[in-house]
Amino acid sequence: MPFELISGSQAAAIAVQRVGVDMVSAYPITPQTAIVETLANFEANGQLGG
């Protein structure tokens, strides 16, 4: 299996995606902005379902 180097923010967003949460309450402010942006991209691509 190939490995991909990701940031901690990306790892947190992927964990939220995999757990399958129904709602995420977040305020996009540094350093959490990357998490919220990644979650927004997942939702836009139909990968989150929140």
PDB file of N, CA and C in Angstrom:
ATOM      1  N   MET A   1       0.842  -1.172   0.000  1.00  0.00           N
ATOM      2  CA  MET A   1       0.000   0.000   0.000  1.00  0.00           C
ATOM      3  C   MET A   1       0.890   1.238   0.000  1.00  0.00           C
ATOM      4  N   PRO A   2       0.658   2.170  -0.921  1.00  0.00           N
ATOM      5  CA  PRO A   2       1.479   3.391  -0.952  1.00  0.00           C
ATOM      6  C   PRO A   2       1.122   4.313   0.214  1.00  0.00           C
ATOM      7  N   PHE A   3       2.105   5.038   0.658  1.00  0.00           N
ATOM      8  CA  PHE A   3       1.918   5.981   1.756  1.00  0.00           C
ATOM      9  C   PHE A   3       1.904   7.400   1.214  1.00  0.00           C
ATOM     10  N   GLU A   4       1.144   8.249   1.867  1.00  0.00           N
ATOM     11  CA  GLU A   4       1.077   9.650   1.497  1.00  0.00           C
ATOM     12  C   GLU A   4       1.342  10.478   2.750  1.00  0.00           C
ATOM     13  N   LEU A   5       2.244  11.404   2.658  1.00  0.00           N
ATOM     14  CA  LEU A   5       2.556  12.288   3.774  1.00  0.00           C
ATOM     15  C   LEU A   5       1.494  13.385   3.838  1.00  0.00           C
ATOM     16  N   ILE A   6       0.808  13.491   4.990  1.00  0.00           N
ATOM     17  CA  ILE A   6      -0.222  14.504   5.158  1.00  0.00           C
ATOM     18  C   ILE A   6       0.041  15.286   6.440  1.00  0.00           C
ATOM     19  N   SER A   7      -0.599  16.432   6.526  1.00  0.00           N
ATOM     20  CA  SER A   7      -0.434  17.271   7.720  1.00  0.00           C
ATOM     21  C   SER A   7      -1.343  16.771   8.844  1.00  0.00           C
ATOM     22  N   GLY A   8      -1.121  17.269  10.018  1.00  0.00           N
ATOM     23  CA  GLY A   8      -1.978  16.933  11.146  1.00  0.00           C
ATOM     24  C   GLY A   8      -3.401  17.423  10.937  1.00  0.00           C
ATOM     25  N   SER A   9      -3.556  18.569  10.296  1.00  0.00           N
ATOM     26  CA  SER A   9      -4.890  19.099  10.009  1.00  0.00           C
ATOM     27  C   SER A   9      -5.636  18.191   9.034  1.00  0.00           C
ATOM     28  N   GLN A  10      -4.935  17.715   8.023  1.00  0.00           N
ATOM     29  CA  GLN A  10      -5.553  16.788   7.075  1.00  0.00           C
ATOM     30  C   GLN A  10      -5.936  15.484   7.774  1.00  0.00           C
ATOM     31  N   ALA A  11      -5.072  15.012   8.661  1.00  0.00           N
ATOM     32  CA  ALA A  11      -5.361  13.783   9.400  1.00  0.00           C
ATOM     33  C   ALA A  11      -6.600  13.956  10.274  1.00  0.00           C
ATOM     34  N   ALA A  12      -6.745  15.106  10.902  1.00  0.00           N
ATOM     35  CA  ALA A  12      -7.920  15.374  11.734  1.00  0.00           C
ATOM     36  C   ALA A  12      -9.188  15.393  10.885  1.00  0.00           C
ATOM     37  N   ALA A  13      -9.126  16.008   9.718  1.00  0.00           N
ATOM     38  CA  ALA A  13     -10.289  16.064   8.831  1.00  0.00           C
ATOM     39  C   ALA A  13     -10.660  14.667   8.327  1.00  0.00           C
ATOM     40  N   ILE A  14      -9.672  13.870   7.995  1.00  0.00           N
ATOM     41  CA  ILE A  14      -9.933  12.506   7.537  1.00  0.00           C
ATOM     42  C   ILE A  14     -10.540  11.673   8.661  1.00  0.00           C
ATOM     43  N   ALA A  15     -10.085  11.884   9.883  1.00  0.00           N
ATOM     44  CA  ALA A  15     -10.656  11.166  11.028  1.00  0.00           C
ATOM     45  C   ALA A  15     -12.127  11.529  11.206  1.00  0.00           C
ATOM     46  N   VAL A  16     -12.457  12.804  11.080  1.00  0.00           N
ATOM     47  CA  VAL A  16     -13.852  13.240  11.176  1.00  0.00           C
ATOM     48  C   VAL A  16     -14.675  12.579  10.072  1.00  0.00           C
ATOM     49  N   GLN A  17     -14.130  12.535   8.872  1.00  0.00           N
ATOM     50  CA  GLN A  17     -14.821  11.910   7.741  1.00  0.00           C
ATOM     51  C   GLN A  17     -15.065  10.426   8.001  1.00  0.00           C
ATOM     52  N   ARG A  18     -14.067   9.717   8.470  1.00  0.00           N
ATOM     53  CA  ARG A  18     -14.179   8.269   8.661  1.00  0.00           C
ATOM     54  C   ARG A  18     -15.077   7.880   9.829  1.00  0.00           C
ATOM     55  N   VAL A  19     -15.127   8.726  10.848  1.00  0.00           N
ATOM     56  CA  VAL A  19     -15.989   8.444  11.991  1.00  0.00           C
ATOM     57  C   VAL A  19     -17.455   8.599  11.591  1.00  0.00           C
ATOM     58  N   GLY A  20     -17.721   9.459  10.628  1.00  0.00           N
ATOM     59  CA  GLY A  20     -19.081   9.639  10.142  1.00  0.00           C
ATOM     60  C   GLY A  20     -19.939  10.516  11.043  1.00  0.00           C
ATOM     61  N   VAL A  21     -19.389  11.616  11.483  1.00  0.00           N
ATOM     62  CA  VAL A  21     -20.134  12.524  12.348  1.00  0.00           C
ATOM     63  C   VAL A  21     -21.309  13.145  11.587  1.00  0.00           C
ATOM     64  N   ASP A  22     -22.327  13.537  12.319  1.00  0.00           N
ATOM     65  CA  ASP A  22     -23.496  14.175  11.711  1.00  0.00           C
ATOM     66  C   ASP A  22     -23.347  15.684  11.608  1.00  0.00           C
ATOM     67  N   MET A  23     -22.543  16.275  12.502  1.00  0.00           N
ATOM     68  CA  MET A  23     -22.390  17.722  12.512  1.00  0.00           C
ATOM     69  C   MET A  23     -21.004  18.085  13.043  1.00  0.00           C
ATOM     70  N   VAL A  24     -20.438  19.104  12.447  1.00  0.00           N
ATOM     71  CA  VAL A  24     -19.149  19.619  12.908  1.00  0.00           C
ATOM     72  C   VAL A  24     -19.338  21.094  13.228  1.00  0.00           C
ATOM     73  N   SER A  25     -19.074  21.456  14.449  1.00  0.00           N
ATOM     74  CA  SER A  25     -19.137  22.849  14.854  1.00  0.00           C
ATOM     75  C   SER A  25     -17.707  23.374  14.885  1.00  0.00           C
ATOM     76  N   ALA A  26     -17.387  24.253  13.954  1.00  0.00           N
ATOM     77  CA  ALA A  26     -16.009  24.731  13.847  1.00  0.00           C
ATOM     78  C   ALA A  26     -16.001  26.197  13.449  1.00  0.00           C
ATOM     79  N   TYR A  27     -14.992  26.885  13.915  1.00  0.00           N
ATOM     80  CA  TYR A  27     -14.795  28.282  13.555  1.00  0.00           C
ATOM     81  C   TYR A  27     -13.479  28.374  12.795  1.00  0.00           C
ATOM     82  N   PRO A  28     -13.536  28.774  11.526  1.00  0.00           N
ATOM     83  CA  PRO A  28     -12.313  28.784  10.720  1.00  0.00           C
ATOM     84  C   PRO A  28     -11.345  29.899  11.115  1.00  0.00           C
ATOM     85  N   ILE A  29     -10.473  29.593  12.036  1.00  0.00           N
ATOM     86  CA  ILE A  29      -9.454  30.534  12.473  1.00  0.00           C
ATOM     87  C   ILE A  29      -8.140  29.765  12.598  1.00  0.00           C
ATOM     88  N   THR A  30      -7.083  30.372  12.225  1.00  0.00           N
ATOM     89  CA  THR A  30      -5.777  29.727  12.244  1.00  0.00           C
ATOM     90  C   THR A  30      -5.483  29.185  13.630  1.00  0.00           C
ATOM     91  N   PRO A  31      -4.976  27.986  13.797  1.00  0.00           N
ATOM     92  CA  PRO A  31      -4.513  27.015  12.804  1.00  0.00           C
ATOM     93  C   PRO A  31      -5.568  25.999  12.385  1.00  0.00           C
ATOM     94  N   GLN A  32      -6.808  26.130  12.834  1.00  0.00           N
ATOM     95  CA  GLN A  32      -7.842  25.163  12.488  1.00  0.00           C
ATOM     96  C   GLN A  32      -8.427  25.367  11.095  1.00  0.00           C
ATOM     97  N   THR A  33      -8.087  26.438  10.426  1.00  0.00           N
ATOM     98  CA  THR A  33      -8.642  26.752   9.117  1.00  0.00           C
ATOM     99  C   THR A  33      -8.452  25.602   8.133  1.00  0.00           C
ATOM    100  N   ALA A  34      -7.305  24.968   8.129  1.00  0.00           N
ATOM    101  CA  ALA A  34      -7.044  23.877   7.184  1.00  0.00           C
ATOM    102  C   ALA A  34      -7.990  22.704   7.411  1.00  0.00           C
ATOM    103  N   ILE A  35      -8.358  22.448   8.658  1.00  0.00           N
ATOM    104  CA  ILE A  35      -9.301  21.362   8.949  1.00  0.00           C
ATOM    105  C   ILE A  35     -10.664  21.689   8.350  1.00  0.00           C
ATOM    106  N   VAL A  36     -11.146  22.894   8.595  1.00  0.00           N
ATOM    107  CA  VAL A  36     -12.458  23.308   8.093  1.00  0.00           C
ATOM    108  C   VAL A  36     -12.472  23.327   6.570  1.00  0.00           C
ATOM    109  N   GLU A  37     -11.401  23.793   5.943  1.00  0.00           N
ATOM    110  CA  GLU A  37     -11.319  23.827   4.480  1.00  0.00           C
ATOM    111  C   GLU A  37     -11.359  22.414   3.904  1.00  0.00           C
ATOM    112  N   THR A  38     -10.637  21.486   4.519  1.00  0.00           N
ATOM    113  CA  THR A  38     -10.623  20.106   4.041  1.00  0.00           C
ATOM    114  C   THR A  38     -11.999  19.472   4.197  1.00  0.00           C
ATOM    115  N   LEU A  39     -12.653  19.710   5.332  1.00  0.00           N
ATOM    116  CA  LEU A  39     -14.004  19.191   5.532  1.00  0.00           C
ATOM    117  C   LEU A  39     -14.981  19.786   4.512  1.00  0.00           C
ATOM    118  N   ALA A  40     -14.834  21.062   4.214  1.00  0.00           N
ATOM    119  CA  ALA A  40     -15.697  21.705   3.215  1.00  0.00           C
ATOM    120  C   ALA A  40     -15.486  21.072   1.843  1.00  0.00           C
ATOM    121  N   ASN A  41     -14.250  20.755   1.512  1.00  0.00           N
ATOM    122  CA  ASN A  41     -13.975  20.087   0.232  1.00  0.00           C
ATOM    123  C   ASN A  41     -14.582  18.688   0.206  1.00  0.00           C
ATOM    124  N   PHE A  42     -14.480  17.952   1.313  1.00  0.00           N
ATOM    125  CA  PHE A  42     -15.109  16.636   1.387  1.00  0.00           C
ATOM    126  C   PHE A  42     -16.610  16.753   1.155  1.00  0.00           C
ATOM    127  N   GLU A  43     -17.238  17.728   1.788  1.00  0.00           N
ATOM    128  CA  GLU A  43     -18.682  17.911   1.658  1.00  0.00           C
ATOM    129  C   GLU A  43     -19.041  18.293   0.210  1.00  0.00           C
ATOM    130  N   ALA A  44     -18.271  19.180  -0.390  1.00  0.00           N
ATOM    131  CA  ALA A  44     -18.536  19.600  -1.759  1.00  0.00           C
ATOM    132  C   ALA A  44     -18.409  18.445  -2.753  1.00  0.00           C
ATOM    133  N   ASN A  45     -17.532  17.498  -2.432  1.00  0.00           N
ATOM    134  CA  ASN A  45     -17.322  16.341  -3.313  1.00  0.00           C
ATOM    135  C   ASN A  45     -18.231  15.162  -2.964  1.00  0.00           C
ATOM    136  N   GLY A  46     -19.121  15.364  -1.990  1.00  0.00           N
ATOM    137  CA  GLY A  46     -20.028  14.298  -1.588  1.00  0.00           C
ATOM    138  C   GLY A  46     -19.373  13.210  -0.772  1.00  0.00           C
ATOM    139  N   GLN A  47     -18.234  13.510  -0.148  1.00  0.00           N
ATOM    140  CA  GLN A  47     -17.481  12.517   0.606  1.00  0.00           C
ATOM    141  C   GLN A  47     -17.712  12.589   2.109  1.00  0.00           C
ATOM    142  N   LEU A  48     -18.504  13.566   2.567  1.00  0.00           N
ATOM    143  CA  LEU A  48     -18.693  13.731   4.001  1.00  0.00           C
ATOM    144  C   LEU A  48     -20.111  13.373   4.420  1.00  0.00           C
ATOM    145  N   GLY A  49     -21.079  13.905   3.745  1.00  0.00           N
ATOM    146  CA  GLY A  49     -22.468  13.598   4.062  1.00  0.00           C
ATOM    147  C   GLY A  49     -22.947  14.183   5.371  1.00  0.00           C
ATOM    148  N   GLY A  50     -22.386  15.317   5.760  1.00  0.00           N
ATOM    149  CA  GLY A  50     -22.774  15.940   7.024  1.00  0.00           C
ATOM    150  C   GLY A  50     -23.927  16.889   6.861  1.00  0.00           C
TER     151      GLY A  50
END
